[in-house]
Amino acid sequence: MTATAFEYGPNHAFVDPRAVEGLGGDYLLPPPRPADRLDIAIDPRDRRRLELHAALTAAGIPPRPEDREAIESLSALSGSINSTIQRWLHHTL
Protein backbone atom coordinates (compact mmCIF):
# COMPACT_ATOMS: atom_id res chain seq x y z
CA MET A 1 0.00 0.00 0.00
CA THR A 2 1.34 3.41 -0.88
CA ALA A 3 0.67 6.73 0.79
CA THR A 4 -1.38 9.34 -1.00
CA ALA A 5 -1.22 13.11 -0.79
CA PHE A 6 -4.41 13.01 1.27
CA GLU A 7 -2.83 10.87 3.96
CA TYR A 8 0.33 12.93 4.36
CA GLY A 9 -0.62 16.38 3.15
CA PRO A 10 0.00 19.82 4.64
CA ASN A 11 -3.32 19.74 6.50
CA HIS A 12 -1.90 17.70 9.39
CA ALA A 13 -1.11 19.88 12.38
CA PHE A 14 2.20 19.54 14.16
CA VAL A 15 1.89 18.88 17.86
CA ASP A 16 4.90 19.35 20.08
CA PRO A 17 4.54 16.62 22.74
CA ARG A 18 6.56 18.72 25.18
CA ALA A 19 4.01 21.51 24.92
CA VAL A 20 0.99 19.31 25.69
CA GLU A 21 0.52 18.28 29.30
CA GLY A 22 0.33 14.54 29.80
CA LEU A 23 2.12 13.64 26.59
CA GLY A 24 5.55 12.30 27.21
CA GLY A 25 8.00 11.68 24.48
CA ASP A 26 10.64 9.13 23.72
CA TYR A 27 13.54 11.36 22.78
CA LEU A 28 16.96 10.00 22.05
CA LEU A 29 18.59 13.27 23.05
CA PRO A 30 17.61 15.91 25.58
CA PRO A 31 16.77 19.39 24.25
CA PRO A 32 19.84 21.54 23.54
CA ARG A 33 21.13 23.82 26.26
CA PRO A 34 22.71 27.02 24.89
CA ALA A 35 25.03 27.29 27.91
CA ASP A 36 26.70 24.01 26.88
CA ARG A 37 27.58 25.13 23.36
CA LEU A 38 31.22 25.10 22.38
CA ASP A 39 32.75 28.45 21.54
CA ILE A 40 34.50 27.33 18.38
CA ALA A 41 34.55 29.36 15.18
CA ILE A 42 34.03 27.58 11.88
CA ASP A 43 36.50 28.38 9.14
CA PRO A 44 34.82 30.59 6.49
CA ARG A 45 35.58 28.06 3.76
CA ASP A 46 33.95 25.27 5.80
CA ARG A 47 30.93 27.50 6.49
CA ARG A 48 30.56 28.23 2.77
CA ARG A 49 30.80 24.50 2.02
CA LEU A 50 28.06 23.68 4.56
CA GLU A 51 25.86 26.52 3.31
CA LEU A 52 26.31 25.35 -0.28
CA HIS A 53 25.33 21.80 0.71
CA ALA A 54 22.23 23.17 2.44
CA ALA A 55 21.29 25.42 -0.50
CA LEU A 56 21.66 22.58 -3.00
CA THR A 57 19.59 20.23 -0.86
CA ALA A 58 16.88 22.87 -0.32
CA ALA A 59 16.75 23.42 -4.09
CA GLY A 60 16.10 19.70 -4.60
CA ILE A 61 19.63 18.92 -5.77
CA PRO A 62 21.16 16.81 -3.01
CA PRO A 63 24.93 16.63 -3.49
CA ARG A 64 26.34 13.25 -4.46
CA PRO A 65 29.69 11.90 -3.29
CA GLU A 66 31.18 12.55 -6.74
CA ASP A 67 30.24 16.26 -6.36
CA ARG A 68 32.75 16.73 -3.54
CA GLU A 69 35.50 18.18 -5.74
CA ALA A 70 33.17 20.74 -7.33
CA ILE A 71 31.76 21.78 -3.95
CA GLU A 72 35.27 22.13 -2.50
CA SER A 73 36.31 24.30 -5.46
CA LEU A 74 33.22 26.51 -5.14
CA SER A 75 33.75 26.82 -1.39
CA ALA A 76 37.26 28.14 -2.00
CA LEU A 77 35.83 31.14 -3.90
CA SER A 78 35.03 34.38 -2.11
CA GLY A 79 32.00 34.81 0.14
CA SER A 80 30.29 37.16 -2.32
CA ILE A 81 30.51 34.58 -5.12
CA ASN A 82 29.11 31.90 -2.83
CA SER A 83 26.28 34.22 -1.78
CA THR A 84 25.43 34.75 -5.45
CA ILE A 85 25.41 31.00 -6.13
CA GLN A 86 23.14 30.43 -3.12
CA ARG A 87 20.83 33.23 -4.24
CA TRP A 88 20.56 31.62 -7.68
CA LEU A 89 19.74 28.28 -6.07
CA HIS A 90 17.17 29.91 -3.81
CA HIS A 91 15.38 31.42 -6.80
CA THR A 92 15.07 28.00 -8.47
CA LEU A 93 12.53 26.95 -5.83
C-alpha atoms as a PDB file:
ATOM      1  CA  MET A   1       0.000   0.000   0.000  1.00  0.00           C
ATOM      2  CA  THR A   2       1.335   3.413  -0.883  1.00  0.00           C
ATOM      3  CA  ALA A   3       0.665   6.733   0.790  1.00  0.00           C
ATOM      4  CA  THR A   4      -1.381   9.335  -1.004  1.00  0.00           C
ATOM      5  CA  ALA A   5      -1.221  13.111  -0.792  1.00  0.00           C
ATOM      6  CA  PHE A   6      -4.412  13.007   1.266  1.00  0.00           C
ATOM      7  CA  GLU A   7      -2.833  10.874   3.964  1.00  0.00           C
ATOM      8  CA  TYR A   8       0.331  12.931   4.357  1.00  0.00           C
ATOM      9  CA  GLY A   9      -0.625  16.385   3.145  1.00  0.00           C
ATOM     10  CA  PRO A  10       0.003  19.823   4.638  1.00  0.00           C
ATOM     11  CA  ASN A  11      -3.321  19.737   6.502  1.00  0.00           C
ATOM     12  CA  HIS A  12      -1.903  17.698   9.387  1.00  0.00           C
ATOM     13  CA  ALA A  13      -1.114  19.883  12.385  1.00  0.00           C
ATOM     14  CA  PHE A  14       2.203  19.539  14.159  1.00  0.00           C
ATOM     15  CA  VAL A  15       1.888  18.876  17.863  1.00  0.00           C
ATOM     16  CA  ASP A  16       4.901  19.350  20.076  1.00  0.00           C
ATOM     17  CA  PRO A  17       4.539  16.621  22.736  1.00  0.00           C
ATOM     18  CA  ARG A  18       6.565  18.724  25.177  1.00  0.00           C
ATOM     19  CA  ALA A  19       4.005  21.515  24.924  1.00  0.00           C
ATOM     20  CA  VAL A  20       0.995  19.311  25.686  1.00  0.00           C
ATOM     21  CA  GLU A  21       0.525  18.283  29.302  1.00  0.00           C
ATOM     22  CA  GLY A  22       0.328  14.541  29.800  1.00  0.00           C
ATOM     23  CA  LEU A  23       2.117  13.640  26.593  1.00  0.00           C
ATOM     24  CA  GLY A  24       5.550  12.295  27.209  1.00  0.00           C
ATOM     25  CA  GLY A  25       8.000  11.683  24.481  1.00  0.00           C
ATOM     26  CA  ASP A  26      10.638   9.134  23.720  1.00  0.00           C
ATOM     27  CA  TYR A  27      13.536  11.357  22.783  1.00  0.00           C
ATOM     28  CA  LEU A  28      16.963  10.000  22.049  1.00  0.00           C
ATOM     29  CA  LEU A  29      18.593  13.265  23.052  1.00  0.00           C
ATOM     30  CA  PRO A  30      17.609  15.909  25.579  1.00  0.00           C
ATOM     31  CA  PRO A  31      16.771  19.385  24.254  1.00  0.00           C
ATOM     32  CA  PRO A  32      19.837  21.540  23.541  1.00  0.00           C
ATOM     33  CA  ARG A  33      21.133  23.823  26.264  1.00  0.00           C
ATOM     34  CA  PRO A  34      22.713  27.022  24.892  1.00  0.00           C
ATOM     35  CA  ALA A  35      25.033  27.287  27.907  1.00  0.00           C
ATOM     36  CA  ASP A  36      26.698  24.005  26.878  1.00  0.00           C
ATOM     37  CA  ARG A  37      27.582  25.132  23.355  1.00  0.00           C
ATOM     38  CA  LEU A  38      31.216  25.104  22.378  1.00  0.00           C
ATOM     39  CA  ASP A  39      32.751  28.453  21.538  1.00  0.00           C
ATOM     40  CA  ILE A  40      34.501  27.333  18.377  1.00  0.00           C
ATOM     41  CA  ALA A  41      34.545  29.361  15.184  1.00  0.00           C
ATOM     42  CA  ILE A  42      34.028  27.578  11.879  1.00  0.00           C
ATOM     43  CA  ASP A  43      36.497  28.375   9.141  1.00  0.00           C
ATOM     44  CA  PRO A  44      34.819  30.594   6.493  1.00  0.00           C
ATOM     45  CA  ARG A  45      35.577  28.057   3.763  1.00  0.00           C
ATOM     46  CA  ASP A  46      33.951  25.266   5.800  1.00  0.00           C
ATOM     47  CA  ARG A  47      30.928  27.499   6.493  1.00  0.00           C
ATOM     48  CA  ARG A  48      30.561  28.233   2.765  1.00  0.00           C
ATOM     49  CA  ARG A  49      30.796  24.497   2.023  1.00  0.00           C
ATOM     50  CA  LEU A  50      28.062  23.679   4.561  1.00  0.00           C
ATOM     51  CA  GLU A  51      25.858  26.515   3.307  1.00  0.00           C
ATOM     52  CA  LEU A  52      26.309  25.350  -0.281  1.00  0.00           C
ATOM     53  CA  HIS A  53      25.332  21.796   0.707  1.00  0.00           C
ATOM     54  CA  ALA A  54      22.226  23.170   2.444  1.00  0.00           C
ATOM     55  CA  ALA A  55      21.291  25.419  -0.499  1.00  0.00           C
ATOM     56  CA  LEU A  56      21.663  22.579  -3.003  1.00  0.00           C
ATOM     57  CA  THR A  57      19.592  20.233  -0.860  1.00  0.00           C
ATOM     58  CA  ALA A  58      16.882  22.866  -0.323  1.00  0.00           C
ATOM     59  CA  ALA A  59      16.749  23.421  -4.093  1.00  0.00           C
ATOM     60  CA  GLY A  60      16.102  19.701  -4.596  1.00  0.00           C
ATOM     61  CA  ILE A  61      19.629  18.920  -5.775  1.00  0.00           C
ATOM     62  CA  PRO A  62      21.156  16.812  -3.009  1.00  0.00           C
ATOM     63  CA  PRO A  63      24.928  16.625  -3.495  1.00  0.00           C
ATOM     64  CA  ARG A  64      26.339  13.252  -4.465  1.00  0.00           C
ATOM     65  CA  PRO A  65      29.690  11.898  -3.295  1.00  0.00           C
ATOM     66  CA  GLU A  66      31.180  12.555  -6.735  1.00  0.00           C
ATOM     67  CA  ASP A  67      30.244  16.255  -6.365  1.00  0.00           C
ATOM     68  CA  ARG A  68      32.749  16.731  -3.539  1.00  0.00           C
ATOM     69  CA  GLU A  69      35.505  18.184  -5.737  1.00  0.00           C
ATOM     70  CA  ALA A  70      33.167  20.738  -7.332  1.00  0.00           C
ATOM     71  CA  ILE A  71      31.765  21.781  -3.950  1.00  0.00           C
ATOM     72  CA  GLU A  72      35.275  22.131  -2.502  1.00  0.00           C
ATOM     73  CA  SER A  73      36.307  24.303  -5.459  1.00  0.00           C
ATOM     74  CA  LEU A  74      33.221  26.510  -5.140  1.00  0.00           C
ATOM     75  CA  SER A  75      33.746  26.819  -1.391  1.00  0.00           C
ATOM     76  CA  ALA A  76      37.257  28.141  -2.005  1.00  0.00           C
ATOM     77  CA  LEU A  77      35.828  31.135  -3.896  1.00  0.00           C
ATOM     78  CA  SER A  78      35.027  34.378  -2.108  1.00  0.00           C
ATOM     79  CA  GLY A  79      32.004  34.807   0.138  1.00  0.00           C
ATOM     80  CA  SER A  80      30.293  37.161  -2.323  1.00  0.00           C
ATOM     81  CA  ILE A  81      30.515  34.583  -5.118  1.00  0.00           C
ATOM     82  CA  ASN A  82      29.106  31.902  -2.834  1.00  0.00           C
ATOM     83  CA  SER A  83      26.275  34.221  -1.781  1.00  0.00           C
ATOM     84  CA  THR A  84      25.431  34.749  -5.453  1.00  0.00           C
ATOM     85  CA  ILE A  85      25.406  30.999  -6.130  1.00  0.00           C
ATOM     86  CA  GLN A  86      23.142  30.426  -3.118  1.00  0.00           C
ATOM     87  CA  ARG A  87      20.827  33.234  -4.245  1.00  0.00           C
ATOM     88  CA  TRP A  88      20.565  31.616  -7.680  1.00  0.00           C
ATOM     89  CA  LEU A  89      19.736  28.275  -6.069  1.00  0.00           C
ATOM     90  CA  HIS A  90      17.168  29.907  -3.807  1.00  0.00           C
ATOM     91  CA  HIS A  91      15.384  31.421  -6.803  1.00  0.00           C
ATOM     92  CA  THR A  92      15.071  27.999  -8.469  1.00  0.00           C
ATOM     93  CA  LEU A  93      12.526  26.953  -5.830  1.00  0.00           C
END
